[in-house]
C-alpha cells in the first residue's frame, strides 16, 4: 500500500482572519458612534444591534470557511466586512440628514440585505466544493448570463428608472439582474478561453510593431462587442456595457498574452463610444456634464456631479468629520455618489485608505490567480478580481471627473441589495479558488512506493 506524506504545510491563517474581522467590525462601530455624535450629539441606541448583527454574520461566514475552505485567503473576508460596514455607516449618516426621518431605515434595510448576501455566499461555499465544477457549465453560464441581461427588456417585469432599463420589478421587490450577469459571464469567459486560447494565440499580421490576430479569430471579441453595444442601445446602461466588454478584453489578453487583442479592443471601444455619442442623447448629455459640469446648461440638466466635486473639495485633506458635512445635498449620496460622500467627511487621506482596501482586495484575487494550478481557475480568479477593479475605476473615475458618469455603484458600499448580493457571491468564488490555490498537494513517499512495488513483484513459493 502506498502511503503519502505532506510537504511543509502552510498555515491556514483562519485565526488571523477572525481577529481582522473583529477589528473590521470594531472600526465600523467607532465610525457609527462618530456619526451619531456629530449629528445627534449622543451615542446611538441601535449600536449593539447593528454591531452584533454584523459581527454574527461575519463570524458565521468565518466558521463556514473553517469548515469547508480552511486554506482560503484570510484577508478577503475582513476587507469585505470593513467595506460593507463603512457603507452601512454612510447610509446611516444620510438617514440622519435633513429631509429624511431621524431613523436608520435604509441602513437597517442594508443590514438585512447584507444578511441575505452573506447567507447565500456561505451556501455557495458549502455547495461548490471545487471551482473546476463550474467549467462543466460554461455554456450554461453563457445562456444564463444572456438571460439575465435580457430580463429588464421583458414587457411585464422590466422597469425603467432614471433613463436606464436595468431593473426588474415583481410586486414591491426590485432587482438588478446585470449584477449577477457579470459573475456568470466571467465563468463563461474563463471556460471558453481556456479551451480556445491556443487558437486565439496563433500569430497574425504584424502592424506598427503589434501582432494583430487573424481576421477569422476576431469572432469572439466581435460578439462581446456587439453584446455590449446591445446593452448600451436597448437598456441605456453605459456602465454595464463598459464593464462587460472591458472584462472580456482583459481576460482575452491574460489567456493569450497578446497585446494585439488589447489594441483591437481599444479600437472597437472607441468606435462604439463614438457611434453611441452620435446616436444617443443620454450619452451626449453625460459627455457634456463631464466636459463642463459647472456650466449653466449642465447645472440645469443635472447638478449632481458639480455638487459632488464641491463636496469633496470642502472635505480637503482630512475631511469635515463623520456627521459634520453636508453630503445629502448631492443626489444619491448613499448609492451612486457614496464615494463623494466619504470624500467630504473623511477627506483625501480617508478615501485613499478606502482605495487601498479595494486595491488589496484585487491584489489578493490576482495572487490567487497566480497560485492556482489549473488554467480555468487562473482565468476565473483574474476575471473576478479585474471586474472589481474595473468597476471601482469606472465609479470613482466618474465621481472625480476622470471619465463620464456611468451609473455603476461602489462594490460592497453602495445602498442596494442586488450589487451587495453579487459582490459577496463573487468573493465566495474567489475564496473557493484561493482555497484550492493555497491547499498543499499530497506528496508520495518514495520509500513506501518502492516497498509497495517490491511487494507486488515478490513471488510467493508454496512448500
Protein backbone atom coordinates (compact mmCIF):
# COMPACT_ATOMS: atom_id res chain seq x y z
CA UNK A 1 0.00 0.00 0.00
CA UNK A 2 1.27 3.45 -0.96
CA UNK A 3 1.34 5.98 1.82
CA UNK A 4 1.62 9.71 1.35
CA UNK A 5 3.40 12.39 3.29
CA UNK A 6 2.64 16.05 3.34
CA UNK A 7 5.12 18.69 2.30
CA UNK A 8 5.68 21.65 4.56
CA UNK A 9 2.08 22.59 5.33
CA UNK A 10 1.29 26.31 5.19
CA UNK A 11 -0.77 27.83 7.95
CA UNK A 12 -4.46 28.32 7.25
CA UNK A 13 -4.44 31.80 8.89
CA UNK A 14 -8.06 31.40 9.99
CA UNK A 15 -7.29 32.83 13.44
CA UNK A 16 -5.72 35.87 11.80
CA UNK A 17 -8.85 36.22 9.71
CA UNK A 18 -11.06 36.10 12.82
CA UNK A 19 -9.03 38.80 14.56
CA UNK A 20 -9.17 41.03 11.48
CA UNK A 21 -12.94 40.52 11.24
CA UNK A 22 -13.33 41.68 14.84
CA UNK A 23 -11.16 44.73 14.07
CA UNK A 24 -13.28 45.49 10.98
CA UNK A 25 -16.50 45.38 13.00
CA UNK A 26 -14.88 47.49 15.73
CA UNK A 27 -13.89 50.18 13.21
CA UNK A 28 -17.42 50.14 11.84
CA UNK A 29 -18.89 50.71 15.30
CA UNK A 30 -16.45 53.55 16.00
CA UNK A 31 -17.49 55.23 12.76
CA UNK A 32 -21.18 54.69 13.62
CA UNK A 33 -20.70 56.36 17.02
CA UNK A 34 -18.83 59.24 15.36
CA UNK A 35 -21.78 59.84 13.00
CA UNK A 36 -24.35 59.94 15.79
CA UNK A 37 -22.12 62.11 17.97
CA UNK A 38 -21.78 64.58 15.12
CA UNK A 39 -25.44 64.67 14.15
CA UNK A 40 -27.35 63.84 17.34
CA UNK A 41 -24.73 64.54 19.99
CA UNK A 42 -25.43 61.17 21.63
CA UNK A 43 -24.44 57.51 21.46
CA UNK A 44 -26.86 55.63 19.17
CA UNK A 45 -29.32 53.29 20.83
CA UNK A 46 -29.12 50.76 17.96
CA UNK A 47 -25.32 50.47 18.19
CA UNK A 48 -25.18 46.98 19.69
CA UNK A 49 -27.96 45.69 17.46
CA UNK A 50 -26.15 46.74 14.29
CA UNK A 51 -22.71 45.78 15.60
CA UNK A 52 -23.92 42.43 16.91
CA UNK A 53 -25.69 41.65 13.66
CA UNK A 54 -22.68 42.48 11.50
CA UNK A 55 -20.32 40.57 13.81
CA UNK A 56 -22.57 37.50 13.85
CA UNK A 57 -22.76 37.45 10.05
CA UNK A 58 -19.01 37.85 9.57
CA UNK A 59 -18.09 35.29 12.24
CA UNK A 60 -20.67 32.86 10.86
CA UNK A 61 -19.10 33.14 7.41
CA UNK A 62 -15.67 32.69 9.02
CA UNK A 63 -16.84 29.44 10.63
CA UNK A 64 -18.08 28.18 7.28
CA UNK A 65 -14.61 28.84 5.87
CA UNK A 66 -13.02 26.93 8.75
CA UNK A 67 -15.34 24.03 7.94
CA UNK A 68 -15.32 23.95 4.14
CA UNK A 69 -12.40 26.09 2.90
CA UNK A 70 -9.72 26.08 5.58
CA UNK A 71 -6.96 27.33 3.27
CA UNK A 72 -8.94 30.18 1.71
CA UNK A 73 -7.36 33.62 1.58
CA UNK A 74 -7.52 35.16 5.10
CA UNK A 75 -7.82 38.82 4.00
CA UNK A 76 -10.78 38.83 1.62
CA UNK A 77 -13.46 38.39 4.30
CA UNK A 78 -12.12 41.13 6.65
CA UNK A 79 -11.80 43.59 3.75
CA UNK A 80 -15.33 42.89 2.54
CA UNK A 81 -16.66 43.17 6.11
CA UNK A 82 -15.00 46.55 6.63
CA UNK A 83 -16.14 47.96 3.29
CA UNK A 84 -19.66 46.68 3.88
CA UNK A 85 -19.67 48.09 7.40
CA UNK A 86 -18.44 51.53 6.32
CA UNK A 87 -21.13 51.55 3.65
CA UNK A 88 -23.70 50.93 6.39
CA UNK A 89 -22.24 53.86 8.33
CA UNK A 90 -22.60 56.30 5.44
CA UNK A 91 -26.12 55.09 4.65
CA UNK A 92 -26.99 55.65 8.32
CA UNK A 93 -25.41 59.08 8.16
CA UNK A 94 -27.61 60.03 5.17
CA UNK A 95 -30.62 58.62 7.05
CA UNK A 96 -29.99 61.19 9.75
CA UNK A 97 -29.58 64.09 7.33
CA UNK A 98 -32.03 66.89 6.63
CA UNK A 99 -35.07 65.87 4.66
CA UNK A 100 -35.15 62.29 5.96
CA UNK A 101 -36.73 60.83 9.07
CA UNK A 102 -34.46 60.70 12.10
CA UNK A 103 -34.17 56.91 11.88
CA UNK A 104 -31.88 54.28 10.40
CA UNK A 105 -34.42 52.88 7.95
CA UNK A 106 -32.21 52.47 4.89
CA UNK A 107 -29.26 51.34 6.99
CA UNK A 108 -31.36 48.62 8.64
CA UNK A 109 -32.58 47.50 5.20
CA UNK A 110 -28.98 47.38 4.03
CA UNK A 111 -28.05 45.24 7.03
CA UNK A 112 -30.88 42.86 6.08
CA UNK A 113 -29.56 42.73 2.51
CA UNK A 114 -26.12 42.03 3.97
CA UNK A 115 -27.52 39.10 5.93
CA UNK A 116 -29.14 37.62 2.83
CA UNK A 117 -25.95 38.12 0.81
CA UNK A 118 -23.72 36.52 3.47
CA UNK A 119 -26.02 33.51 3.88
CA UNK A 120 -26.17 32.89 0.12
CA UNK A 121 -22.41 33.34 -0.20
CA UNK A 122 -21.86 30.82 2.61
CA UNK A 123 -24.25 28.41 0.90
CA UNK A 124 -22.21 28.80 -2.30
CA UNK A 125 -19.01 27.93 -0.39
CA UNK A 126 -20.67 24.79 1.00
CA UNK A 127 -22.14 23.70 -2.34
CA UNK A 128 -19.14 24.49 -4.55
CA UNK A 129 -16.54 22.07 -3.24
CA UNK A 130 -14.25 22.56 -6.25
CA UNK A 131 -14.26 25.61 -8.53
CA UNK A 132 -13.46 23.38 -11.50
CA UNK A 133 -17.02 22.11 -11.33
CA UNK A 134 -18.10 25.43 -12.85
CA UNK A 135 -16.19 24.65 -16.04
CA UNK A 136 -18.77 21.99 -16.89
CA UNK A 137 -21.41 24.68 -17.06
CA UNK A 138 -19.54 27.22 -19.20
CA UNK A 139 -22.14 27.40 -21.96
CA UNK A 140 -24.98 27.14 -19.47
CA UNK A 141 -23.45 30.18 -17.79
CA UNK A 142 -23.47 31.96 -21.14
CA UNK A 143 -27.19 31.26 -21.59
CA UNK A 144 -27.97 32.31 -18.02
CA UNK A 145 -25.89 35.48 -18.40
CA UNK A 146 -27.65 36.49 -21.60
CA UNK A 147 -31.00 35.73 -19.98
CA UNK A 148 -30.16 37.94 -17.01
CA UNK A 149 -29.13 40.78 -19.32
CA UNK A 150 -32.35 40.50 -21.34
CA UNK A 151 -34.72 40.26 -18.37
CA UNK A 152 -35.11 44.05 -17.93
CA UNK A 153 -36.38 44.24 -21.52
CA UNK A 154 -39.36 41.99 -20.78
CA UNK A 155 -42.64 43.91 -21.00
CA UNK A 156 -44.18 42.94 -17.65
CA UNK A 157 -41.35 42.79 -15.15
CA UNK A 158 -38.89 45.13 -16.86
CA UNK A 159 -38.68 48.52 -15.19
CA UNK A 160 -37.04 51.75 -16.33
CA UNK A 161 -35.58 54.13 -13.77
CA UNK A 162 -33.70 57.39 -14.43
CA UNK A 163 -33.46 56.66 -18.14
CA UNK A 164 -31.92 53.17 -17.81
CA UNK A 165 -33.83 49.94 -18.20
CA UNK A 166 -31.75 47.70 -15.95
CA UNK A 167 -34.26 46.69 -13.26
CA UNK A 168 -36.92 44.03 -12.92
CA UNK A 169 -39.79 44.58 -10.53
CA UNK A 170 -42.09 41.88 -9.13
CA UNK A 171 -44.61 43.42 -6.76
CA UNK A 172 -42.76 45.53 -4.20
CA UNK A 173 -39.44 43.78 -4.89
CA UNK A 174 -36.94 45.10 -7.44
CA UNK A 175 -33.68 43.56 -8.59
CA UNK A 176 -30.86 44.40 -10.98
CA UNK A 177 -30.02 41.12 -12.81
CA UNK A 178 -26.99 42.60 -14.55
CA UNK A 179 -25.07 42.42 -11.26
CA UNK A 180 -25.29 38.62 -11.28
CA UNK A 181 -24.71 38.53 -15.04
CA UNK A 182 -21.13 39.78 -14.58
CA UNK A 183 -20.35 36.69 -12.45
CA UNK A 184 -21.89 34.05 -14.70
CA UNK A 185 -20.43 35.68 -17.81
CA UNK A 186 -17.00 35.60 -16.15
CA UNK A 187 -17.48 31.86 -15.66
CA UNK A 188 -18.35 31.52 -19.36
CA UNK A 189 -15.41 33.67 -20.49
CA UNK A 190 -13.00 31.59 -18.38
CA UNK A 191 -14.38 28.28 -19.65
CA UNK A 192 -14.40 29.43 -23.27
CA UNK A 193 -10.93 31.00 -23.27
CA UNK A 194 -9.23 28.07 -21.55
CA UNK A 195 -10.43 25.88 -24.46
CA UNK A 196 -9.65 28.25 -27.31
CA UNK A 197 -6.61 30.22 -26.16
CA UNK A 198 -4.22 28.13 -28.29
CA UNK A 199 -6.16 29.01 -31.44
CA UNK A 200 -6.50 32.66 -30.42
CA UNK A 201 -2.75 32.83 -29.72
CA UNK A 202 -1.76 31.92 -33.28
CA UNK A 203 0.36 34.68 -34.76
CA UNK A 204 -1.34 37.05 -37.18
CA UNK A 205 -0.20 40.04 -39.16
CA UNK A 206 2.33 42.46 -37.67
CA UNK A 207 1.46 46.16 -37.98
CA UNK A 208 3.47 49.00 -36.39
CA UNK A 209 5.20 46.59 -34.05
CA UNK A 210 1.95 44.95 -32.85
CA UNK A 211 0.94 41.43 -33.86
CA UNK A 212 -2.77 41.55 -34.59
CA UNK A 213 -4.97 38.43 -34.60
CA UNK A 214 -6.17 36.86 -37.80
CA UNK A 215 -9.48 38.06 -39.19
CA UNK A 216 -11.13 34.66 -38.69
CA UNK A 217 -10.18 34.72 -34.99
CA UNK A 218 -11.92 38.04 -34.33
CA UNK A 219 -15.32 36.39 -33.84
CA UNK A 220 -15.28 36.18 -30.02
CA UNK A 221 -14.32 39.79 -29.45
CA UNK A 222 -16.80 41.00 -32.08
CA UNK A 223 -19.60 39.06 -30.38
CA UNK A 224 -18.65 40.55 -26.98
CA UNK A 225 -18.52 44.00 -28.59
CA UNK A 226 -21.96 43.61 -30.17
CA UNK A 227 -23.37 42.35 -26.87
CA UNK A 228 -22.04 45.39 -25.01
CA UNK A 229 -23.42 47.69 -27.71
CA UNK A 230 -26.81 45.98 -27.45
CA UNK A 231 -26.85 46.58 -23.68
CA UNK A 232 -25.99 50.22 -24.31
CA UNK A 233 -28.66 50.65 -27.01
CA UNK A 234 -31.62 48.82 -25.55
CA UNK A 235 -31.04 49.30 -21.82
CA UNK A 236 -29.16 52.61 -21.97
CA UNK A 237 -26.70 51.25 -19.43
CA UNK A 238 -23.30 52.73 -20.23
CA UNK A 239 -21.64 51.31 -17.12
CA UNK A 240 -22.58 47.66 -17.64
CA UNK A 241 -21.71 47.89 -21.32
CA UNK A 242 -18.21 49.14 -20.49
CA UNK A 243 -17.80 46.56 -17.71
CA UNK A 244 -18.70 43.51 -19.82
CA UNK A 245 -16.59 44.47 -22.80
CA UNK A 246 -13.58 45.54 -20.70
CA UNK A 247 -13.78 42.33 -18.68
CA UNK A 248 -13.74 40.13 -21.78
CA UNK A 249 -10.84 42.00 -23.40
CA UNK A 250 -8.79 41.79 -20.20
CA UNK A 251 -9.41 38.05 -19.82
CA UNK A 252 -8.63 37.54 -23.51
CA UNK A 253 -5.28 39.27 -23.05
CA UNK A 254 -4.47 37.19 -19.96
CA UNK A 255 -5.36 33.97 -21.80
CA UNK A 256 -3.34 34.72 -24.95
CA UNK A 257 -0.67 37.19 -23.69
CA UNK A 258 -1.02 39.14 -26.93
CA UNK A 259 -1.07 42.93 -26.88
CA UNK A 260 -2.82 42.88 -30.25
CA UNK A 261 -6.08 41.90 -28.58
CA UNK A 262 -5.84 44.96 -26.33
CA UNK A 263 -5.30 47.17 -29.38
CA UNK A 264 -8.30 45.67 -31.17
CA UNK A 265 -10.40 46.05 -28.04
CA UNK A 266 -9.49 49.71 -27.63
CA UNK A 267 -10.26 50.40 -31.29
CA UNK A 268 -13.66 48.71 -31.02
CA UNK A 269 -14.42 50.53 -27.78
CA UNK A 270 -13.50 53.90 -29.32
CA UNK A 271 -15.66 53.17 -32.36
CA UNK A 272 -18.62 52.07 -30.22
CA UNK A 273 -18.29 55.07 -27.91
CA UNK A 274 -18.21 57.49 -30.86
CA UNK A 275 -21.25 55.92 -32.52
CA UNK A 276 -23.13 55.92 -29.20
CA UNK A 277 -22.28 59.60 -28.73
CA UNK A 278 -23.65 60.38 -32.21
CA UNK A 279 -26.88 58.41 -31.83
CA UNK A 280 -27.99 58.65 -28.21
CA UNK A 281 -28.95 61.82 -26.40
CA UNK A 282 -28.29 60.47 -22.92
CA UNK A 283 -24.68 59.67 -23.89
CA UNK A 284 -24.24 63.21 -25.25
CA UNK A 285 -25.68 64.57 -22.01
CA UNK A 286 -23.22 62.65 -19.85
CA UNK A 287 -20.29 63.72 -22.01
CA UNK A 288 -21.41 67.35 -21.74
CA UNK A 289 -21.66 67.06 -17.97
CA UNK A 290 -18.20 65.54 -17.89
CA UNK A 291 -16.62 68.26 -20.02
CA UNK A 292 -18.09 71.19 -18.09
CA UNK A 293 -20.17 70.23 -15.03
CA UNK A 294 -20.31 73.85 -13.78
CA UNK A 295 -21.75 75.43 -16.92
CA UNK A 296 -25.27 76.83 -16.78
CA UNK A 297 -26.58 74.23 -19.22
CA UNK A 298 -25.03 71.39 -17.22
CA UNK A 299 -26.34 72.72 -13.91
CA UNK A 300 -29.84 72.96 -15.37
CA UNK A 301 -29.58 69.38 -16.65
CA UNK A 302 -28.03 67.82 -13.52
CA UNK A 303 -26.05 69.39 -10.69
CA UNK A 304 -25.11 66.01 -9.18
CA UNK A 305 -21.52 65.91 -10.45
CA UNK A 306 -20.88 69.58 -9.63
CA UNK A 307 -22.16 69.21 -6.08
CA UNK A 308 -20.19 66.01 -5.58
CA UNK A 309 -16.98 67.74 -6.68
CA UNK A 310 -17.69 70.72 -4.43
CA UNK A 311 -18.36 68.41 -1.51
CA UNK A 312 -15.06 66.60 -1.97
CA UNK A 313 -13.32 69.95 -2.29
CA UNK A 314 -14.89 71.02 1.00
CA UNK A 315 -13.52 67.90 2.68
CA UNK A 316 -9.94 68.73 1.75
CA UNK A 317 -7.19 66.50 3.13
CA UNK A 318 -8.74 65.44 6.42
CA UNK A 319 -12.49 65.85 5.83
CA UNK A 320 -15.13 67.66 7.79
CA UNK A 321 -15.61 64.68 10.09
CA UNK A 322 -18.27 61.98 10.04
CA UNK A 323 -21.62 63.61 10.63
CA UNK A 324 -20.19 67.11 10.18
CA UNK A 325 -20.52 67.64 6.42
CA UNK A 326 -23.46 68.04 4.07
CA UNK A 327 -23.22 65.10 1.63
CA UNK A 328 -27.01 64.91 1.48
CA UNK A 329 -27.03 67.95 -0.83
CA UNK A 330 -25.82 65.72 -3.66
CA UNK A 331 -28.30 63.42 -5.39
CA UNK A 332 -27.96 59.72 -4.48
CA UNK A 333 -25.32 60.31 -1.80
CA UNK A 334 -25.62 56.75 -0.43
CA UNK A 335 -25.56 54.88 -3.74
CA UNK A 336 -24.05 56.32 -6.93
CA UNK A 337 -22.16 59.09 -5.07
CA UNK A 338 -21.28 57.36 -1.81
CA UNK A 339 -17.58 57.81 -2.59
CA UNK A 340 -18.10 61.57 -2.88
CA UNK A 341 -19.93 61.50 0.47
CA UNK A 342 -16.93 59.83 2.08
CA UNK A 343 -14.61 62.27 0.34
CA UNK A 344 -16.37 65.18 2.03
CA UNK A 345 -16.43 63.73 5.53
CA UNK A 346 -13.17 61.76 5.78
CA UNK A 347 -11.10 63.75 3.28
CA UNK A 348 -8.46 62.79 0.78
CA UNK A 349 -6.48 60.69 3.23
CA UNK A 350 -9.62 58.76 4.18
CA UNK A 351 -10.66 57.93 0.63
CA UNK A 352 -7.07 56.90 -0.14
CA UNK A 353 -7.46 54.36 2.66
CA UNK A 354 -10.66 53.11 1.02
CA UNK A 355 -8.86 52.83 -2.31
CA UNK A 356 -6.10 50.83 -0.61
CA UNK A 357 -8.72 48.39 0.70
CA UNK A 358 -10.07 47.88 -2.80
CA UNK A 359 -6.53 47.58 -4.18
CA UNK A 360 -5.69 44.96 -1.54
CA UNK A 361 -8.88 43.03 -2.38
CA UNK A 362 -7.92 42.98 -6.07
CA UNK A 363 -4.31 42.06 -5.22
CA UNK A 364 -5.47 39.03 -3.24
CA UNK A 365 -7.56 37.98 -6.23
CA UNK A 366 -4.56 38.30 -8.55
CA UNK A 367 -2.39 36.40 -6.05
CA UNK A 368 -5.00 33.65 -6.08
CA UNK A 369 -4.87 33.52 -9.88
CA UNK A 370 -1.08 33.19 -9.78
CA UNK A 371 -1.20 30.42 -7.20
CA UNK A 372 -3.97 28.18 -8.51
CA UNK A 373 -2.78 25.21 -10.56
CA UNK A 374 -5.39 24.95 -13.35
CA UNK A 375 -5.94 27.28 -16.29
CA UNK A 376 -9.67 27.67 -15.71
CA UNK A 377 -9.11 28.73 -12.11
CA UNK A 378 -6.47 31.26 -13.17
CA UNK A 379 -8.79 32.91 -15.71
CA UNK A 380 -11.76 32.78 -13.34
CA UNK A 381 -9.87 34.40 -10.45
CA UNK A 382 -8.27 37.09 -12.62
CA UNK A 383 -11.64 37.83 -14.24
CA UNK A 384 -13.44 38.23 -10.92
CA UNK A 385 -10.64 40.38 -9.48
CA UNK A 386 -10.48 42.55 -12.58
CA UNK A 387 -14.25 43.04 -12.59
CA UNK A 388 -13.98 44.60 -9.11
CA UNK A 389 -11.01 46.72 -10.18
CA UNK A 390 -12.74 47.94 -13.33
CA UNK A 391 -15.97 48.71 -11.50
CA UNK A 392 -14.12 50.72 -8.84
CA UNK A 393 -12.24 52.64 -11.53
CA UNK A 394 -15.41 53.38 -13.51
CA UNK A 395 -17.35 54.51 -10.41
CA UNK A 396 -14.63 56.64 -8.82
CA UNK A 397 -13.46 57.89 -12.20
CA UNK A 398 -16.96 59.17 -12.88
CA UNK A 399 -17.35 60.79 -9.47
CA UNK A 400 -13.96 62.52 -9.72
CA UNK A 401 -14.50 63.53 -13.37
CA UNK A 402 -11.77 61.36 -14.83
CA UNK A 403 -14.33 59.74 -17.16
CA UNK A 404 -18.04 60.40 -17.80
CA UNK A 405 -20.54 59.12 -15.24
CA UNK A 406 -21.79 55.61 -15.98
CA UNK A 407 -24.27 54.77 -13.22
CA UNK A 408 -22.37 51.88 -11.61
CA UNK A 409 -22.21 51.60 -7.82
CA UNK A 410 -19.25 51.17 -5.47
CA UNK A 411 -18.74 47.46 -4.59
CA UNK A 412 -19.83 46.43 -1.06
CA UNK A 413 -20.57 50.02 -0.03
CA UNK A 414 -23.43 51.50 -2.05
CA UNK A 415 -27.04 51.11 -0.97
CA UNK A 416 -28.90 48.33 -2.76
CA UNK A 417 -29.33 44.58 -2.38
CA UNK A 418 -28.54 43.48 -5.96
CA UNK A 419 -24.95 44.70 -6.03
CA UNK A 420 -24.31 43.59 -2.45
CA UNK A 421 -25.51 40.05 -3.19
CA UNK A 422 -23.42 39.83 -6.36
CA UNK A 423 -20.25 41.09 -4.70
CA UNK A 424 -20.48 38.68 -1.75
CA UNK A 425 -21.04 35.77 -4.14
CA UNK A 426 -18.11 36.96 -6.26
CA UNK A 427 -15.96 36.93 -3.13
CA UNK A 428 -17.21 33.43 -2.24
CA UNK A 429 -15.99 32.08 -5.58
CA UNK A 430 -12.63 33.81 -5.11
CA UNK A 431 -12.36 32.21 -1.67
CA UNK A 432 -13.08 28.79 -3.12
CA UNK A 433 -10.40 29.23 -5.78
CA UNK A 434 -7.91 30.54 -3.21
CA UNK A 435 -8.55 27.51 -1.01
CA UNK A 436 -7.51 25.30 -3.90
CA UNK A 437 -4.51 27.52 -4.64
CA UNK A 438 -3.16 27.54 -1.06
CA UNK A 439 -4.02 23.95 -0.16
CA UNK A 440 -0.86 21.75 -0.22
CA UNK A 441 -0.84 18.75 -2.51
CA UNK A 442 -0.02 15.34 -1.04
CA UNK A 443 3.46 14.11 -1.96
CA UNK A 444 4.13 10.40 -2.36
CA UNK A 445 6.75 8.86 -0.08
CA UNK A 446 9.41 7.32 -2.39
CA UNK A 447 10.46 4.73 0.21
CA UNK A 448 6.90 3.50 0.66
CA UNK A 449 6.39 3.49 -3.11
CA UNK A 450 9.49 1.34 -3.66
CA UNK A 451 8.43 -1.07 -0.91
CA UNK A 452 4.99 -1.42 -2.43
CA UNK A 453 6.45 -2.08 -5.87
CA UNK A 454 8.75 -4.74 -4.42
CA UNK A 455 5.86 -6.42 -2.62
CA UNK A 456 3.83 -6.59 -5.81
CA UNK A 457 6.64 -8.31 -7.74
CA UNK A 458 7.67 -10.77 -4.98
CA UNK A 459 6.97 -14.42 -5.83
CA UNK A 460 5.43 -16.48 -3.06
CA UNK A 461 6.59 -20.13 -3.17
CA UNK A 462 4.49 -22.91 -1.67
CA UNK A 463 6.31 -25.56 0.38
